[in-house]
């Protein structure tokens, strides 16, 4: 019986400690970038389709053919669906480089929408 009580206490303490390291509910939590994860790649590309033209229109980057060269960071936020925040290095092929940070929302049915962007 003592073993069972000790086991339950160890599991509860481990669970609550793990919960505390995840951050405050509603915060963005980092996840690993995996270029083989088709869903993440799709979400990233969906966001780039809006973020790059918006950054050009706002004069934040020069007009040109911009492509992503590196994903610096991906974070998720659980809402009624998921927010995915990407930090992506882009290049125009002429040597200009910029870092775009943008958020893509995916609802519970898998529909995506562009939320926001910034150029760093």
C-alpha atoms as a PDB file:
ATOM      1  CA  UNK A   1       0.000   0.000   0.000  1.00  0.00           C
ATOM      2  CA  UNK A   2       2.842   2.418   0.843  1.00  0.00           C
ATOM      3  CA  UNK A   3       4.349   1.699  -2.577  1.00  0.00           C
ATOM      4  CA  UNK A   4       1.076   2.554  -4.308  1.00  0.00           C
ATOM      5  CA  UNK A   5       0.746   5.844  -2.385  1.00  0.00           C
ATOM      6  CA  UNK A   6       4.369   6.745  -3.179  1.00  0.00           C
ATOM      7  CA  UNK A   7       3.824   5.932  -6.846  1.00  0.00           C
ATOM      8  CA  UNK A   8       0.692   8.086  -7.047  1.00  0.00           C
ATOM      9  CA  UNK A   9       2.449  10.990  -5.304  1.00  0.00           C
ATOM     10  CA  UNK A  10       5.447  10.698  -7.641  1.00  0.00           C
ATOM     11  CA  UNK A  11       3.179  10.748 -10.684  1.00  0.00           C
ATOM     12  CA  UNK A  12       1.187  13.729  -9.413  1.00  0.00           C
ATOM     13  CA  UNK A  13       4.323  15.698  -8.540  1.00  0.00           C
ATOM     14  CA  UNK A  14       5.879  14.857 -11.893  1.00  0.00           C
ATOM     15  CA  UNK A  15       2.707  15.877 -13.732  1.00  0.00           C
ATOM     16  CA  UNK A  16       2.382  19.225 -11.960  1.00  0.00           C
ATOM     17  CA  UNK A  17       6.088  19.970 -12.408  1.00  0.00           C
ATOM     18  CA  UNK A  18       5.762  19.207 -16.119  1.00  0.00           C
ATOM     19  CA  UNK A  19       2.710  21.437 -16.330  1.00  0.00           C
ATOM     20  CA  UNK A  20       4.609  24.359 -14.795  1.00  0.00           C
ATOM     21  CA  UNK A  21       7.449  24.157 -17.331  1.00  0.00           C
ATOM     22  CA  UNK A  22       5.037  24.530 -20.247  1.00  0.00           C
ATOM     23  CA  UNK A  23       4.391  28.202 -19.468  1.00  0.00           C
ATOM     24  CA  UNK A  24       1.196  30.059 -18.846  1.00  0.00           C
ATOM     25  CA  UNK A  25      -1.895  28.823 -20.684  1.00  0.00           C
ATOM     26  CA  UNK A  26      -2.385  30.949 -23.781  1.00  0.00           C
ATOM     27  CA  UNK A  27       1.341  31.577 -24.279  1.00  0.00           C
ATOM     28  CA  UNK A  28       3.168  30.550 -27.415  1.00  0.00           C
ATOM     29  CA  UNK A  29       5.201  27.379 -26.906  1.00  0.00           C
ATOM     30  CA  UNK A  30       8.218  26.524 -29.104  1.00  0.00           C
ATOM     31  CA  UNK A  31       8.028  23.390 -31.227  1.00  0.00           C
ATOM     32  CA  UNK A  32      10.765  21.887 -33.395  1.00  0.00           C
ATOM     33  CA  UNK A  33      10.804  22.770 -37.093  1.00  0.00           C
ATOM     34  CA  UNK A  34      10.585  19.657 -39.240  1.00  0.00           C
ATOM     35  CA  UNK A  35      10.834  20.238 -43.011  1.00  0.00           C
ATOM     36  CA  UNK A  36       9.349  16.752 -43.515  1.00  0.00           C
ATOM     37  CA  UNK A  37       6.174  17.666 -41.597  1.00  0.00           C
ATOM     38  CA  UNK A  38       3.781  18.440 -44.460  1.00  0.00           C
ATOM     39  CA  UNK A  39       1.310  20.261 -42.199  1.00  0.00           C
ATOM     40  CA  UNK A  40       3.971  22.636 -40.806  1.00  0.00           C
ATOM     41  CA  UNK A  41       5.385  23.284 -44.284  1.00  0.00           C
ATOM     42  CA  UNK A  42       1.888  23.974 -45.595  1.00  0.00           C
ATOM     43  CA  UNK A  43       1.153  26.397 -42.748  1.00  0.00           C
ATOM     44  CA  UNK A  44       4.492  28.159 -43.245  1.00  0.00           C
ATOM     45  CA  UNK A  45       3.975  28.532 -47.000  1.00  0.00           C
ATOM     46  CA  UNK A  46       0.382  29.699 -46.512  1.00  0.00           C
ATOM     47  CA  UNK A  47       1.605  32.494 -44.243  1.00  0.00           C
ATOM     48  CA  UNK A  48       4.422  33.504 -46.571  1.00  0.00           C
ATOM     49  CA  UNK A  49       1.904  33.980 -49.403  1.00  0.00           C
ATOM     50  CA  UNK A  50       0.367  36.837 -47.395  1.00  0.00           C
ATOM     51  CA  UNK A  51       3.305  38.086 -45.312  1.00  0.00           C
ATOM     52  CA  UNK A  52       5.662  38.814 -48.226  1.00  0.00           C
ATOM     53  CA  UNK A  53       3.164  40.900 -50.296  1.00  0.00           C
ATOM     54  CA  UNK A  54       2.079  42.749 -47.145  1.00  0.00           C
ATOM     55  CA  UNK A  55       5.702  43.555 -46.263  1.00  0.00           C
ATOM     56  CA  UNK A  56       6.343  44.781 -49.834  1.00  0.00           C
ATOM     57  CA  UNK A  57       3.181  46.933 -49.849  1.00  0.00           C
ATOM     58  CA  UNK A  58       4.175  48.468 -46.493  1.00  0.00           C
ATOM     59  CA  UNK A  59       7.660  49.286 -47.781  1.00  0.00           C
ATOM     60  CA  UNK A  60       9.299  46.989 -45.238  1.00  0.00           C
ATOM     61  CA  UNK A  61      11.074  44.977 -47.943  1.00  0.00           C
ATOM     62  CA  UNK A  62      11.828  45.797 -51.575  1.00  0.00           C
ATOM     63  CA  UNK A  63       9.725  44.409 -54.373  1.00  0.00           C
ATOM     64  CA  UNK A  64      11.218  41.224 -55.766  1.00  0.00           C
ATOM     65  CA  UNK A  65      11.045  37.450 -55.792  1.00  0.00           C
ATOM     66  CA  UNK A  66      11.432  36.485 -52.135  1.00  0.00           C
ATOM     67  CA  UNK A  67      11.812  32.885 -50.997  1.00  0.00           C
ATOM     68  CA  UNK A  68      12.430  31.374 -47.596  1.00  0.00           C
ATOM     69  CA  UNK A  69      15.959  30.260 -46.831  1.00  0.00           C
ATOM     70  CA  UNK A  70      15.714  29.250 -43.187  1.00  0.00           C
ATOM     71  CA  UNK A  71      13.101  28.714 -40.497  1.00  0.00           C
ATOM     72  CA  UNK A  72      14.445  30.258 -37.292  1.00  0.00           C
ATOM     73  CA  UNK A  73      11.605  29.432 -34.936  1.00  0.00           C
ATOM     74  CA  UNK A  74       8.114  27.929 -34.776  1.00  0.00           C
ATOM     75  CA  UNK A  75       5.759  28.367 -31.844  1.00  0.00           C
ATOM     76  CA  UNK A  76       2.182  27.254 -31.229  1.00  0.00           C
ATOM     77  CA  UNK A  77      -0.617  28.697 -29.158  1.00  0.00           C
ATOM     78  CA  UNK A  78      -3.693  26.675 -28.285  1.00  0.00           C
ATOM     79  CA  UNK A  79      -6.868  28.678 -28.852  1.00  0.00           C
ATOM     80  CA  UNK A  80     -10.145  27.483 -30.371  1.00  0.00           C
ATOM     81  CA  UNK A  81      -7.842  25.847 -32.900  1.00  0.00           C
ATOM     82  CA  UNK A  82      -4.127  26.654 -33.116  1.00  0.00           C
ATOM     83  CA  UNK A  83      -2.055  29.738 -33.804  1.00  0.00           C
ATOM     84  CA  UNK A  84       1.296  29.005 -35.427  1.00  0.00           C
ATOM     85  CA  UNK A  85       3.936  31.718 -35.183  1.00  0.00           C
ATOM     86  CA  UNK A  86       6.813  31.413 -37.633  1.00  0.00           C
ATOM     87  CA  UNK A  87      10.087  33.321 -37.747  1.00  0.00           C
ATOM     88  CA  UNK A  88      11.473  32.806 -41.246  1.00  0.00           C
ATOM     89  CA  UNK A  89      14.545  34.186 -42.986  1.00  0.00           C
ATOM     90  CA  UNK A  90      13.779  35.188 -46.565  1.00  0.00           C
ATOM     91  CA  UNK A  91      16.026  36.229 -49.443  1.00  0.00           C
ATOM     92  CA  UNK A  92      15.353  37.966 -52.738  1.00  0.00           C
ATOM     93  CA  UNK A  93      18.227  36.291 -54.582  1.00  0.00           C
ATOM     94  CA  UNK A  94      20.049  39.621 -55.006  1.00  0.00           C
ATOM     95  CA  UNK A  95      21.611  39.417 -51.567  1.00  0.00           C
ATOM     96  CA  UNK A  96      18.857  41.119 -49.588  1.00  0.00           C
ATOM     97  CA  UNK A  97      17.767  39.176 -46.514  1.00  0.00           C
ATOM     98  CA  UNK A  98      14.918  39.845 -44.095  1.00  0.00           C
ATOM     99  CA  UNK A  99      13.334  38.023 -41.199  1.00  0.00           C
ATOM    100  CA  UNK A 100       9.554  37.733 -41.254  1.00  0.00           C
ATOM    101  CA  UNK A 101       7.599  36.800 -38.164  1.00  0.00           C
ATOM    102  CA  UNK A 102       3.971  35.947 -38.829  1.00  0.00           C
ATOM    103  CA  UNK A 103       1.021  34.066 -37.361  1.00  0.00           C
ATOM    104  CA  UNK A 104      -1.253  31.605 -39.147  1.00  0.00           C
ATOM    105  CA  UNK A 105      -4.434  30.393 -37.476  1.00  0.00           C
ATOM    106  CA  UNK A 106      -5.759  26.884 -38.109  1.00  0.00           C
ATOM    107  CA  UNK A 107      -9.300  26.223 -36.907  1.00  0.00           C
ATOM    108  CA  UNK A 108     -10.585  22.908 -35.623  1.00  0.00           C
ATOM    109  CA  UNK A 109     -11.648  21.894 -39.146  1.00  0.00           C
ATOM    110  CA  UNK A 110      -8.184  22.539 -40.607  1.00  0.00           C
ATOM    111  CA  UNK A 111      -9.035  25.843 -42.308  1.00  0.00           C
ATOM    112  CA  UNK A 112      -6.142  28.313 -42.306  1.00  0.00           C
ATOM    113  CA  UNK A 113      -6.205  32.090 -42.086  1.00  0.00           C
ATOM    114  CA  UNK A 114      -3.469  34.705 -41.983  1.00  0.00           C
ATOM    115  CA  UNK A 115      -3.392  36.696 -38.732  1.00  0.00           C
ATOM    116  CA  UNK A 116      -0.434  39.077 -38.549  1.00  0.00           C
ATOM    117  CA  UNK A 117       3.125  39.798 -39.657  1.00  0.00           C
ATOM    118  CA  UNK A 118       6.203  41.862 -38.802  1.00  0.00           C
ATOM    119  CA  UNK A 119       9.602  42.328 -40.402  1.00  0.00           C
ATOM    120  CA  UNK A 120      12.591  42.247 -38.069  1.00  0.00           C
END
